[in-house]
Amino acid sequence: MKCLMKHLIFDDINNLNDDLDIEMSKMNDDVNIKEAKIMKSNKSKEKEIKMKFKRAKSTKREKRRKMEGNIKEIRTKMKTKEREKIKKKKWKRKRIKMKKNENEIKKDENETEMK
C-alpha cells in the first residue's frame, strides 16, 4: 500500500510538474508573442522613421535637380539668345557688304556699257 501511495504521489507530482511546465510554456509563449508584437511595432516605427528621412532626402535631391535643370535651361536660353544676336549682327554686316558689292558690280556694268 505504501508503495502504491508513493507511486501515486510521485505520479501526481509528475503530472503537476507536467501541467506546470505546460502552463509555463504557454505563459512563455504569450510573453514571447507579446515581445514579438512589440518588436514588430518597433521595427515598423523604425522603418517609418527611415522612410521619412529617405523621403526628405529624395525631395531635397529632386528640388536640387530641378533647380539645376532650371538654371541649365536658363543658361542655354541665354547662350542661344547671344548666339542669335551674334548671327544677326554677322548677317547684317554681310548683307551690307553684299549690297555694296552689288552696287559696285552695277556701277562697273554701267561703266562698261557706257564705254
PDB file of N, CA and C in Angstrom:
ATOM      1  N   MET A   1       0.793  -1.190   0.000  1.00  0.00           N
ATOM      2  CA  MET A   1       0.000   0.000   0.000  1.00  0.00           C
ATOM      3  C   MET A   1       0.838   1.258   0.000  1.00  0.00           C
ATOM      4  N   LYS A   2       1.853   1.158   0.878  1.00  0.00           N
ATOM      5  CA  LYS A   2       2.708   2.329   0.970  1.00  0.00           C
ATOM      6  C   LYS A   2       3.400   2.594  -0.357  1.00  0.00           C
ATOM      7  N   CYS A   3       3.789   1.505  -1.001  1.00  0.00           N
ATOM      8  CA  CYS A   3       4.459   1.664  -2.304  1.00  0.00           C
ATOM      9  C   CYS A   3       3.510   2.269  -3.315  1.00  0.00           C
ATOM     10  N   LEU A   4       2.282   1.798  -3.290  1.00  0.00           N
ATOM     11  CA  LEU A   4       1.298   2.351  -4.216  1.00  0.00           C
ATOM     12  C   LEU A   4       1.056   3.826  -3.940  1.00  0.00           C
ATOM     13  N   MET A   5       1.002   4.173  -2.699  1.00  0.00           N
ATOM     14  CA  MET A   5       0.793   5.571  -2.333  1.00  0.00           C
ATOM     15  C   MET A   5       1.953   6.431  -2.817  1.00  0.00           C
ATOM     16  N   LYS A   6       3.165   5.848  -2.615  1.00  0.00           N
ATOM     17  CA  LYS A   6       4.333   6.599  -3.060  1.00  0.00           C
ATOM     18  C   LYS A   6       4.282   6.816  -4.572  1.00  0.00           C
ATOM     19  N   HIS A   7       3.910   5.736  -5.305  1.00  0.00           N
ATOM     20  CA  HIS A   7       3.835   5.858  -6.759  1.00  0.00           C
ATOM     21  C   HIS A   7       2.765   6.851  -7.174  1.00  0.00           C
ATOM     22  N   LEU A   8       1.648   6.796  -6.483  1.00  0.00           N
ATOM     23  CA  LEU A   8       0.580   7.731  -6.799  1.00  0.00           C
ATOM     24  C   LEU A   8       1.008   9.169  -6.516  1.00  0.00           C
ATOM     25  N   ILE A   9       1.674   9.332  -5.411  1.00  0.00           N
ATOM     26  CA  ILE A   9       2.147  10.675  -5.064  1.00  0.00           C
ATOM     27  C   ILE A   9       3.143  11.161  -6.110  1.00  0.00           C
ATOM     28  N   PHE A  10       4.072  10.269  -6.472  1.00  0.00           N
ATOM     29  CA  PHE A  10       5.052  10.662  -7.489  1.00  0.00           C
ATOM     30  C   PHE A  10       4.375  10.941  -8.828  1.00  0.00           C
ATOM     31  N   ASP A  11       3.386  10.094  -9.151  1.00  0.00           N
ATOM     32  CA  ASP A  11       2.655  10.312 -10.399  1.00  0.00           C
ATOM     33  C   ASP A  11       1.926  11.647 -10.369  1.00  0.00           C
ATOM     34  N   ASP A  12       1.307  11.930  -9.213  1.00  0.00           N
ATOM     35  CA  ASP A  12       0.605  13.204  -9.091  1.00  0.00           C
ATOM     36  C   ASP A  12       1.585  14.373  -9.196  1.00  0.00           C
ATOM     37  N   ILE A  13       2.709  14.226  -8.546  1.00  0.00           N
ATOM     38  CA  ILE A  13       3.725  15.290  -8.597  1.00  0.00           C
ATOM     39  C   ILE A  13       4.227  15.463 -10.029  1.00  0.00           C
ATOM     40  N   ASN A  14       4.478  14.326 -10.691  1.00  0.00           N
ATOM     41  CA  ASN A  14       4.931  14.404 -12.080  1.00  0.00           C
ATOM     42  C   ASN A  14       3.874  15.049 -12.977  1.00  0.00           C
ATOM     43  N   ASN A  15       2.628  14.654 -12.745  1.00  0.00           N
ATOM     44  CA  ASN A  15       1.549  15.262 -13.521  1.00  0.00           C
ATOM     45  C   ASN A  15       1.460  16.757 -13.246  1.00  0.00           C
ATOM     46  N   LEU A  16       1.602  17.102 -11.958  1.00  0.00           N
ATOM     47  CA  LEU A  16       1.582  18.524 -11.611  1.00  0.00           C
ATOM     48  C   LEU A  16       2.742  19.259 -12.275  1.00  0.00           C
ATOM     49  N   ASN A  17       3.899  18.639 -12.244  1.00  0.00           N
ATOM     50  CA  ASN A  17       5.059  19.250 -12.888  1.00  0.00           C
ATOM     51  C   ASN A  17       4.823  19.423 -14.391  1.00  0.00           C
ATOM     52  N   ASP A  18       4.244  18.376 -14.991  1.00  0.00           N
ATOM     53  CA  ASP A  18       3.944  18.467 -16.421  1.00  0.00           C
ATOM     54  C   ASP A  18       2.943  19.582 -16.695  1.00  0.00           C
ATOM     55  N   ASP A  19       1.920  19.644 -15.839  1.00  0.00           N
ATOM     56  CA  ASP A  19       0.924  20.697 -16.011  1.00  0.00           C
ATOM     57  C   ASP A  19       1.560  22.074 -15.837  1.00  0.00           C
ATOM     58  N   LEU A  20       2.420  22.184 -14.821  1.00  0.00           N
ATOM     59  CA  LEU A  20       3.113  23.453 -14.604  1.00  0.00           C
ATOM     60  C   LEU A  20       3.997  23.808 -15.795  1.00  0.00           C
ATOM     61  N   ASP A  21       4.691  22.798 -16.305  1.00  0.00           N
ATOM     62  CA  ASP A  21       5.541  23.043 -17.471  1.00  0.00           C
ATOM     63  C   ASP A  21       4.712  23.520 -18.662  1.00  0.00           C
ATOM     64  N   ILE A  22       3.568  22.885 -18.847  1.00  0.00           N
ATOM     65  CA  ILE A  22       2.701  23.276 -19.962  1.00  0.00           C
ATOM     66  C   ILE A  22       2.198  24.700 -19.769  1.00  0.00           C
ATOM     67  N   GLU A  23       1.775  25.002 -18.530  1.00  0.00           N
ATOM     68  CA  GLU A  23       1.293  26.352 -18.251  1.00  0.00           C
ATOM     69  C   GLU A  23       2.417  27.375 -18.400  1.00  0.00           C
ATOM     70  N   MET A  24       3.597  27.031 -17.910  1.00  0.00           N
ATOM     71  CA  MET A  24       4.738  27.939 -18.034  1.00  0.00           C
ATOM     72  C   MET A  24       5.094  28.161 -19.505  1.00  0.00           C
ATOM     73  N   SER A  25       5.060  27.091 -20.268  1.00  0.00           N
ATOM     74  CA  SER A  25       5.385  27.241 -21.685  1.00  0.00           C
ATOM     75  C   SER A  25       4.334  28.104 -22.384  1.00  0.00           C
ATOM     76  N   LYS A  26       3.052  27.930 -21.979  1.00  0.00           N
ATOM     77  CA  LYS A  26       2.010  28.778 -22.552  1.00  0.00           C
ATOM     78  C   LYS A  26       2.240  30.231 -22.176  1.00  0.00           C
ATOM     79  N   MET A  27       2.593  30.440 -20.907  1.00  0.00           N
ATOM     80  CA  MET A  27       2.869  31.809 -20.469  1.00  0.00           C
ATOM     81  C   MET A  27       4.065  32.370 -21.216  1.00  0.00           C
ATOM     82  N   ASN A  28       5.091  31.538 -21.356  1.00  0.00           N
ATOM     83  CA  ASN A  28       6.266  31.983 -22.104  1.00  0.00           C
ATOM     84  C   ASN A  28       5.903  32.295 -23.553  1.00  0.00           C
ATOM     85  N   ASP A  29       5.052  31.445 -24.128  1.00  0.00           N
ATOM     86  CA  ASP A  29       4.610  31.702 -25.493  1.00  0.00           C
ATOM     87  C   ASP A  29       3.867  33.024 -25.576  1.00  0.00           C
ATOM     88  N   ASP A  30       2.990  33.262 -24.581  1.00  0.00           N
ATOM     89  CA  ASP A  30       2.257  34.523 -24.571  1.00  0.00           C
ATOM     90  C   ASP A  30       3.215  35.702 -24.449  1.00  0.00           C
ATOM     91  N   VAL A  31       4.171  35.556 -23.540  1.00  0.00           N
ATOM     92  CA  VAL A  31       5.155  36.623 -23.355  1.00  0.00           C
ATOM     93  C   VAL A  31       5.965  36.808 -24.629  1.00  0.00           C
ATOM     94  N   ASN A  32       6.376  35.688 -25.227  1.00  0.00           N
ATOM     95  CA  ASN A  32       7.144  35.776 -26.462  1.00  0.00           C
ATOM     96  C   ASN A  32       6.325  36.419 -27.581  1.00  0.00           C
ATOM     97  N   ILE A  33       5.054  36.071 -27.635  1.00  0.00           N
ATOM     98  CA  ILE A  33       4.190  36.670 -28.657  1.00  0.00           C
ATOM     99  C   ILE A  33       4.070  38.170 -28.430  1.00  0.00           C
ATOM    100  N   LYS A  34       3.882  38.566 -27.160  1.00  0.00           N
ATOM    101  CA  LYS A  34       3.794  39.991 -26.846  1.00  0.00           C
ATOM    102  C   LYS A  34       5.092  40.708 -27.196  1.00  0.00           C
ATOM    103  N   GLU A  35       6.217  40.086 -26.823  1.00  0.00           N
ATOM    104  CA  GLU A  35       7.508  40.683 -27.151  1.00  0.00           C
ATOM    105  C   GLU A  35       7.695  40.782 -28.657  1.00  0.00           C
ATOM    106  N   ALA A  36       7.261  39.743 -29.355  1.00  0.00           N
ATOM    107  CA  ALA A  36       7.386  39.760 -30.814  1.00  0.00           C
ATOM    108  C   ALA A  36       6.543  40.881 -31.411  1.00  0.00           C
ATOM    109  N   LYS A  37       5.334  41.066 -30.864  1.00  0.00           N
ATOM    110  CA  LYS A  37       4.485  42.151 -31.355  1.00  0.00           C
ATOM    111  C   LYS A  37       5.142  43.501 -31.099  1.00  0.00           C
ATOM    112  N   ILE A  38       5.711  43.647 -29.911  1.00  0.00           N
ATOM    113  CA  ILE A  38       6.398  44.896 -29.580  1.00  0.00           C
ATOM    114  C   ILE A  38       7.580  45.109 -30.514  1.00  0.00           C
ATOM    115  N   MET A  39       8.340  44.053 -30.751  1.00  0.00           N
ATOM    116  CA  MET A  39       9.492  44.154 -31.655  1.00  0.00           C
ATOM    117  C   MET A  39       9.039  44.534 -33.060  1.00  0.00           C
ATOM    118  N   LYS A  40       7.942  43.915 -33.519  1.00  0.00           N
ATOM    119  CA  LYS A  40       7.432  44.240 -34.851  1.00  0.00           C
ATOM    120  C   LYS A  40       7.008  45.690 -34.918  1.00  0.00           C
ATOM    121  N   SER A  41       6.314  46.149 -33.870  1.00  0.00           N
ATOM    122  CA  SER A  41       5.863  47.540 -33.874  1.00  0.00           C
ATOM    123  C   SER A  41       7.063  48.479 -33.850  1.00  0.00           C
ATOM    124  N   ASN A  42       8.093  48.119 -33.074  1.00  0.00           N
ATOM    125  CA  ASN A  42       9.299  48.944 -33.050  1.00  0.00           C
ATOM    126  C   ASN A  42       9.967  48.965 -34.418  1.00  0.00           C
ATOM    127  N   LYS A  43      10.026  47.786 -35.058  1.00  0.00           N
ATOM    128  CA  LYS A  43      10.636  47.728 -36.388  1.00  0.00           C
ATOM    129  C   LYS A  43       9.846  48.559 -37.377  1.00  0.00           C
ATOM    130  N   SER A  44       8.522  48.467 -37.277  1.00  0.00           N
ATOM    131  CA  SER A  44       7.697  49.245 -38.204  1.00  0.00           C
ATOM    132  C   SER A  44       7.889  50.737 -37.952  1.00  0.00           C
ATOM    133  N   LYS A  45       8.001  51.125 -36.680  1.00  0.00           N
ATOM    134  CA  LYS A  45       8.249  52.532 -36.368  1.00  0.00           C
ATOM    135  C   LYS A  45       9.603  52.971 -36.905  1.00  0.00           C
ATOM    136  N   GLU A  46      10.615  52.115 -36.736  1.00  0.00           N
ATOM    137  CA  GLU A  46      11.936  52.431 -37.265  1.00  0.00           C
ATOM    138  C   GLU A  46      11.894  52.580 -38.778  1.00  0.00           C
ATOM    139  N   LYS A  47      11.156  51.677 -39.439  1.00  0.00           N
ATOM    140  CA  LYS A  47      11.033  51.764 -40.895  1.00  0.00           C
ATOM    141  C   LYS A  47      10.351  53.058 -41.299  1.00  0.00           C
ATOM    142  N   GLU A  48       9.296  53.428 -40.565  1.00  0.00           N
ATOM    143  CA  GLU A  48       8.589  54.667 -40.872  1.00  0.00           C
ATOM    144  C   GLU A  48       9.519  55.861 -40.734  1.00  0.00           C
ATOM    145  N   ILE A  49      10.304  55.869 -39.676  1.00  0.00           N
ATOM    146  CA  ILE A  49      11.242  56.967 -39.462  1.00  0.00           C
ATOM    147  C   ILE A  49      12.271  57.006 -40.582  1.00  0.00           C
ATOM    148  N   LYS A  50      12.798  55.830 -40.947  1.00  0.00           N
ATOM    149  CA  LYS A  50      13.769  55.771 -42.042  1.00  0.00           C
ATOM    150  C   LYS A  50      13.160  56.259 -43.342  1.00  0.00           C
ATOM    151  N   MET A  51      11.924  55.849 -43.596  1.00  0.00           N
ATOM    152  CA  MET A  51      11.262  56.266 -44.829  1.00  0.00           C
ATOM    153  C   MET A  51      11.037  57.771 -44.843  1.00  0.00           C
ATOM    154  N   LYS A  52      10.719  58.343 -43.673  1.00  0.00           N
ATOM    155  CA  LYS A  52      10.552  59.794 -43.608  1.00  0.00           C
ATOM    156  C   LYS A  52      11.849  60.483 -43.983  1.00  0.00           C
ATOM    157  N   PHE A  53      12.968  59.996 -43.426  1.00  0.00           N
ATOM    158  CA  PHE A  53      14.256  60.593 -43.756  1.00  0.00           C
ATOM    159  C   PHE A  53      14.584  60.397 -45.226  1.00  0.00           C
ATOM    160  N   LYS A  54      14.288  59.193 -45.747  1.00  0.00           N
ATOM    161  CA  LYS A  54      14.549  58.936 -47.164  1.00  0.00           C
ATOM    162  C   LYS A  54      13.716  59.855 -48.037  1.00  0.00           C
ATOM    163  N   ARG A  55      12.442  60.025 -47.675  1.00  0.00           N
ATOM    164  CA  ARG A  55      11.576  60.909 -48.448  1.00  0.00           C
ATOM    165  C   ARG A  55      12.106  62.333 -48.409  1.00  0.00           C
ATOM    166  N   ALA A  56      12.520  62.754 -47.222  1.00  0.00           N
ATOM    167  CA  ALA A  56      13.049  64.107 -47.098  1.00  0.00           C
ATOM    168  C   ALA A  56      14.283  64.268 -47.971  1.00  0.00           C
ATOM    169  N   LYS A  57      15.177  63.274 -47.931  1.00  0.00           N
ATOM    170  CA  LYS A  57      16.378  63.343 -48.758  1.00  0.00           C
ATOM    171  C   LYS A  57      16.025  63.353 -50.231  1.00  0.00           C
ATOM    172  N   SER A  58      15.090  62.490 -50.610  1.00  0.00           N
ATOM    173  CA  SER A  58      14.742  62.402 -52.029  1.00  0.00           C
ATOM    174  C   SER A  58      14.092  63.698 -52.500  1.00  0.00           C
ATOM    175  N   THR A  59      13.240  64.301 -51.655  1.00  0.00           N
ATOM    176  CA  THR A  59      12.614  65.557 -52.062  1.00  0.00           C
ATOM    177  C   THR A  59      13.662  66.647 -52.180  1.00  0.00           C
ATOM    178  N   LYS A  60      14.631  66.653 -51.274  1.00  0.00           N
ATOM    179  CA  LYS A  60      15.703  67.637 -51.378  1.00  0.00           C
ATOM    180  C   LYS A  60      16.492  67.428 -52.661  1.00  0.00           C
ATOM    181  N   ARG A  61      16.790  66.162 -52.976  1.00  0.00           N
ATOM    182  CA  ARG A  61      17.507  65.863 -54.216  1.00  0.00           C
ATOM    183  C   ARG A  61      16.711  66.312 -55.428  1.00  0.00           C
ATOM    184  N   GLU A  62      15.410  65.998 -55.410  1.00  0.00           N
ATOM    185  CA  GLU A  62      14.569  66.381 -56.538  1.00  0.00           C
ATOM    186  C   GLU A  62      14.538  67.895 -56.702  1.00  0.00           C
ATOM    187  N   LYS A  63      14.386  68.605 -55.598  1.00  0.00           N
ATOM    188  CA  LYS A  63      14.369  70.062 -55.671  1.00  0.00           C
ATOM    189  C   LYS A  63      15.685  70.589 -56.210  1.00  0.00           C
ATOM    190  N   ARG A  64      16.793  70.018 -55.722  1.00  0.00           N
ATOM    191  CA  ARG A  64      18.102  70.457 -56.178  1.00  0.00           C
ATOM    192  C   ARG A  64      18.271  70.193 -57.673  1.00  0.00           C
ATOM    193  N   ARG A  65      17.847  69.002 -58.106  1.00  0.00           N
ATOM    194  CA  ARG A  65      17.958  68.661 -59.526  1.00  0.00           C
ATOM    195  C   ARG A  65      17.082  69.568 -60.381  1.00  0.00           C
ATOM    196  N   LYS A  66      15.878  69.863 -59.871  1.00  0.00           N
ATOM    197  CA  LYS A  66      15.010  70.771 -60.611  1.00  0.00           C
ATOM    198  C   LYS A  66      15.659  72.138 -60.749  1.00  0.00           C
ATOM    199  N   MET A  67      16.216  72.616 -59.641  1.00  0.00           N
ATOM    200  CA  MET A  67      16.871  73.923 -59.680  1.00  0.00           C
ATOM    201  C   MET A  67      18.042  73.901 -60.646  1.00  0.00           C
ATOM    202  N   GLU A  68      18.841  72.831 -60.585  1.00  0.00           N
ATOM    203  CA  GLU A  68      19.967  72.721 -61.502  1.00  0.00           C
ATOM    204  C   GLU A  68      19.475  72.686 -62.938  1.00  0.00           C
ATOM    205  N   GLY A  69      18.402  71.942 -63.172  1.00  0.00           N
ATOM    206  CA  GLY A  69      17.841  71.869 -64.518  1.00  0.00           C
ATOM    207  C   GLY A  69      17.329  73.218 -64.975  1.00  0.00           C
ATOM    208  N   ASN A  70      16.644  73.935 -64.086  1.00  0.00           N
ATOM    209  CA  ASN A  70      16.140  75.261 -64.437  1.00  0.00           C
ATOM    210  C   ASN A  70      17.280  76.208 -64.744  1.00  0.00           C
ATOM    211  N   ILE A  71      18.327  76.142 -63.930  1.00  0.00           N
ATOM    212  CA  ILE A  71      19.481  77.006 -64.154  1.00  0.00           C
ATOM    213  C   ILE A  71      20.129  76.668 -65.488  1.00  0.00           C
ATOM    214  N   LYS A  72      20.253  75.365 -65.790  1.00  0.00           N
ATOM    215  CA  LYS A  72      20.829  74.960 -67.073  1.00  0.00           C
ATOM    216  C   LYS A  72      19.977  75.454 -68.228  1.00  0.00           C
ATOM    217  N   GLU A  73      18.657  75.339 -68.093  1.00  0.00           N
ATOM    218  CA  GLU A  73      17.770  75.824 -69.143  1.00  0.00           C
ATOM    219  C   GLU A  73      17.947  77.312 -69.351  1.00  0.00           C
ATOM    220  N   ILE A  74      17.998  78.047 -68.259  1.00  0.00           N
ATOM    221  CA  ILE A  74      18.162  79.496 -68.355  1.00  0.00           C
ATOM    222  C   ILE A  74      19.484  79.819 -69.035  1.00  0.00           C
ATOM    223  N   ARG A  75      20.547  79.124 -68.645  1.00  0.00           N
ATOM    224  CA  ARG A  75      21.852  79.375 -69.254  1.00  0.00           C
ATOM    225  C   ARG A  75      21.841  79.059 -70.739  1.00  0.00           C
ATOM    226  N   THR A  76      21.248  77.914 -71.091  1.00  0.00           N
ATOM    227  CA  THR A  76      21.207  77.557 -72.511  1.00  0.00           C
ATOM    228  C   THR A  76      20.379  78.561 -73.298  1.00  0.00           C
ATOM    229  N   LYS A  77      19.277  79.031 -72.725  1.00  0.00           N
ATOM    230  CA  LYS A  77      18.469  80.040 -73.405  1.00  0.00           C
ATOM    231  C   LYS A  77      19.264  81.317 -73.609  1.00  0.00           C
ATOM    232  N   MET A  78      19.994  81.717 -72.568  1.00  0.00           N
ATOM    233  CA  MET A  78      20.808  82.925 -72.693  1.00  0.00           C
ATOM    234  C   MET A  78      21.878  82.743 -73.763  1.00  0.00           C
ATOM    235  N   LYS A  79      22.508  81.576 -73.776  1.00  0.00           N
ATOM    236  CA  LYS A  79      23.540  81.315 -74.777  1.00  0.00           C
ATOM    237  C   LYS A  79      22.958  81.333 -76.180  1.00  0.00           C
ATOM    238  N   THR A  80      21.788  80.710 -76.339  1.00  0.00           N
ATOM    239  CA  THR A  80      21.175  80.703 -77.671  1.00  0.00           C
ATOM    240  C   THR A  80      20.801  82.113 -78.097  1.00  0.00           C
ATOM    241  N   LYS A  81      20.306  82.928 -77.167  1.00  0.00           N
ATOM    242  CA  LYS A  81      19.983  84.316 -77.496  1.00  0.00           C
ATOM    243  C   LYS A  81      21.234  85.073 -77.927  1.00  0.00           C
ATOM    244  N   GLU A  82      22.325  84.865 -77.183  1.00  0.00           N
ATOM    245  CA  GLU A  82      23.575  85.528 -77.546  1.00  0.00           C
ATOM    246  C   GLU A  82      24.046  85.075 -78.923  1.00  0.00           C
ATOM    247  N   ARG A  83      23.952  83.780 -79.191  1.00  0.00           N
ATOM    248  CA  ARG A  83      24.354  83.268 -80.500  1.00  0.00           C
ATOM    249  C   ARG A  83      23.503  83.870 -81.608  1.00  0.00           C
ATOM    250  N   GLU A  84      22.191  83.954 -81.359  1.00  0.00           N
ATOM    251  CA  GLU A  84      21.304  84.541 -82.358  1.00  0.00           C
ATOM    252  C   GLU A  84      21.656  86.001 -82.601  1.00  0.00           C
ATOM    253  N   LYS A  85      21.958  86.733 -81.534  1.00  0.00           N
ATOM    254  CA  LYS A  85      22.349  88.133 -81.695  1.00  0.00           C
ATOM    255  C   LYS A  85      23.607  88.247 -82.538  1.00  0.00           C
ATOM    256  N   ILE A  86      24.571  87.385 -82.227  1.00  0.00           N
ATOM    257  CA  ILE A  86      25.823  87.409 -82.978  1.00  0.00           C
ATOM    258  C   ILE A  86      25.565  87.070 -84.445  1.00  0.00           C
ATOM    259  N   LYS A  87      24.729  86.061 -84.697  1.00  0.00           N
ATOM    260  CA  LYS A  87      24.399  85.688 -86.073  1.00  0.00           C
ATOM    261  C   LYS A  87      23.726  86.841 -86.796  1.00  0.00           C
ATOM    262  N   LYS A  88      22.772  87.496 -86.111  1.00  0.00           N
ATOM    263  CA  LYS A  88      22.085  88.627 -86.729  1.00  0.00           C
ATOM    264  C   LYS A  88      23.070  89.730 -87.087  1.00  0.00           C
ATOM    265  N   LYS A  89      23.984  90.004 -86.168  1.00  0.00           N
ATOM    266  CA  LYS A  89      24.987  91.035 -86.444  1.00  0.00           C
ATOM    267  C   LYS A  89      25.835  90.651 -87.646  1.00  0.00           C
ATOM    268  N   LYS A  90      26.250  89.398 -87.684  1.00  0.00           N
ATOM    269  CA  LYS A  90      27.073  88.939 -88.804  1.00  0.00           C
ATOM    270  C   LYS A  90      26.310  89.047 -90.113  1.00  0.00           C
ATOM    271  N   TRP A  91      25.049  88.608 -90.105  1.00  0.00           N
ATOM    272  CA  TRP A  91      24.267  88.664 -91.328  1.00  0.00           C
ATOM    273  C   TRP A  91      24.020  90.104 -91.754  1.00  0.00           C
ATOM    274  N   LYS A  92      23.819  90.975 -90.788  1.00  0.00           N
ATOM    275  CA  LYS A  92      23.640  92.385 -91.132  1.00  0.00           C
ATOM    276  C   LYS A  92      24.891  92.915 -91.813  1.00  0.00           C
ATOM    277  N   ARG A  93      26.038  92.606 -91.256  1.00  0.00           N
ATOM    278  CA  ARG A  93      27.299  93.054 -91.857  1.00  0.00           C
ATOM    279  C   ARG A  93      27.455  92.477 -93.260  1.00  0.00           C
ATOM    280  N   LYS A  94      27.170  91.194 -93.398  1.00  0.00           N
ATOM    281  CA  LYS A  94      27.323  90.545 -94.697  1.00  0.00           C
ATOM    282  C   LYS A  94      26.353  91.135 -95.709  1.00  0.00           C
ATOM    283  N   ARG A  95      25.131  91.417 -95.309  1.00  0.00           N
ATOM    284  CA  ARG A  95      24.151  91.989 -96.233  1.00  0.00           C
ATOM    285  C   ARG A  95      24.602  93.352 -96.717  1.00  0.00           C
ATOM    286  N   ILE A  96      25.094  94.118 -95.785  1.00  0.00           N
ATOM    287  CA  ILE A  96      25.580  95.442 -96.174  1.00  0.00           C
ATOM    288  C   ILE A  96      26.709  95.293 -97.181  1.00  0.00           C
ATOM    289  N   LYS A  97      27.619  94.393 -96.883  1.00  0.00           N
ATOM    290  CA  LYS A  97      28.725  94.175 -97.804  1.00  0.00           C
ATOM    291  C   LYS A  97      28.220  93.657 -99.140  1.00  0.00           C
ATOM    292  N   MET A  98      27.261  92.741 -99.091  1.00  0.00           N
ATOM    293  CA  MET A  98      26.713  92.206-100.327  1.00  0.00           C
ATOM    294  C   MET A  98      26.046  93.316-101.128  1.00  0.00           C
ATOM    295  N   LYS A  99      25.310  94.182-100.432  1.00  0.00           N
ATOM    296  CA  LYS A  99      24.668  95.289-101.128  1.00  0.00           C
ATOM    297  C   LYS A  99      25.717  96.190-101.762  1.00  0.00           C
ATOM    298  N   LYS A 100      26.768  96.447-101.014  1.00  0.00           N
ATOM    299  CA  LYS A 100      27.834  97.283-101.560  1.00  0.00           C
ATOM    300  C   LYS A 100      28.443  96.608-102.777  1.00  0.00           C
ATOM    301  N   ASN A 101      28.678  95.338-102.649  1.00  0.00           N
ATOM    302  CA  ASN A 101      29.259  94.612-103.772  1.00  0.00           C
ATOM    303  C   ASN A 101      28.320  94.637-104.978  1.00  0.00           C
ATOM    304  N   GLU A 102      27.028  94.465-104.738  1.00  0.00           N
ATOM    305  CA  GLU A 102      26.068  94.501-105.835  1.00  0.00           C
ATOM    306  C   GLU A 102      26.054  95.876-106.482  1.00  0.00           C
ATOM    307  N   ASN A 103      26.080  96.910-105.648  1.00  0.00           N
ATOM    308  CA  ASN A 103      26.105  98.272-106.176  1.00  0.00           C
ATOM    309  C   ASN A 103      27.381  98.510-106.979  1.00  0.00           C
ATOM    310  N   GLU A 104      28.476  98.042-106.458  1.00  0.00           N
ATOM    311  CA  GLU A 104      29.737  98.206-107.174  1.00  0.00           C
ATOM    312  C   GLU A 104      29.701  97.452-108.499  1.00  0.00           C
ATOM    313  N   ILE A 105      29.118  96.277-108.466  1.00  0.00           N
ATOM    314  CA  ILE A 105      29.015  95.483-109.695  1.00  0.00           C
ATOM    315  C   ILE A 105      28.137  96.217-110.707  1.00  0.00           C
ATOM    316  N   LYS A 106      27.022  96.779-110.252  1.00  0.00           N
ATOM    317  CA  LYS A 106      26.142  97.528-111.150  1.00  0.00           C
ATOM    318  C   LYS A 106      26.864  98.734-111.728  1.00  0.00           C
ATOM    319  N   LYS A 107      27.623  99.402-110.886  1.00  0.00           N
ATOM    320  CA  LYS A 107      28.373 100.565-111.354  1.00  0.00           C
ATOM    321  C   LYS A 107      29.379 100.139-112.417  1.00  0.00           C
ATOM    322  N   ASP A 108      30.048  99.050-112.129  1.00  0.00           N
ATOM    323  CA  ASP A 108      31.022  98.552-113.094  1.00  0.00           C
ATOM    324  C   ASP A 108      30.334  98.195-114.414  1.00  0.00           C
ATOM    325  N   GLU A 109      29.180  97.579-114.331  1.00  0.00           N
ATOM    326  CA  GLU A 109      28.439  97.216-115.542  1.00  0.00           C
ATOM    327  C   GLU A 109      28.030  98.465-116.310  1.00  0.00           C
ATOM    328  N   ASN A 110      27.552  99.455-115.584  1.00  0.00           N
ATOM    329  CA  ASN A 110      27.148 100.707-116.222  1.00  0.00           C
ATOM    330  C   ASN A 110      28.339 101.379-116.896  1.00  0.00           C
ATOM    331  N   GLU A 111      29.441 101.370-116.222  1.00  0.00           N
ATOM    332  CA  GLU A 111      30.645 101.993-116.778  1.00  0.00           C
ATOM    333  C   GLU A 111      31.092 101.255-118.042  1.00  0.00           C
ATOM    334  N   THR A 112      31.035  99.942-117.996  1.00  0.00           N
ATOM    335  CA  THR A 112      31.451  99.176-119.168  1.00  0.00           C
ATOM    336  C   THR A 112      30.485  99.397-120.328  1.00  0.00           C
ATOM    337  N   GLU A 113      29.206  99.531-120.033  1.00  0.00           N
ATOM    338  CA  GLU A 113      28.231  99.772-121.084  1.00  0.00           C
ATOM    339  C   GLU A 113      28.433 101.147-121.695  1.00  0.00           C
ATOM    340  N   MET A 114      28.741 102.102-120.905  1.00  0.00           N
ATOM    341  CA  MET A 114      28.929 103.461-121.390  1.00  0.00           C
ATOM    342  C   MET A 114      30.139 103.547-122.301  1.00  0.00           C
ATOM    343  N   LYS A 115      31.125 102.796-122.010  1.00  0.00           N
ATOM    344  CA  LYS A 115      32.334 102.868-122.809  1.00  0.00           C
ATOM    345  C   LYS A 115      32.036 102.260-124.135  1.00  0.00           C
TER     346      LYS A 115
END
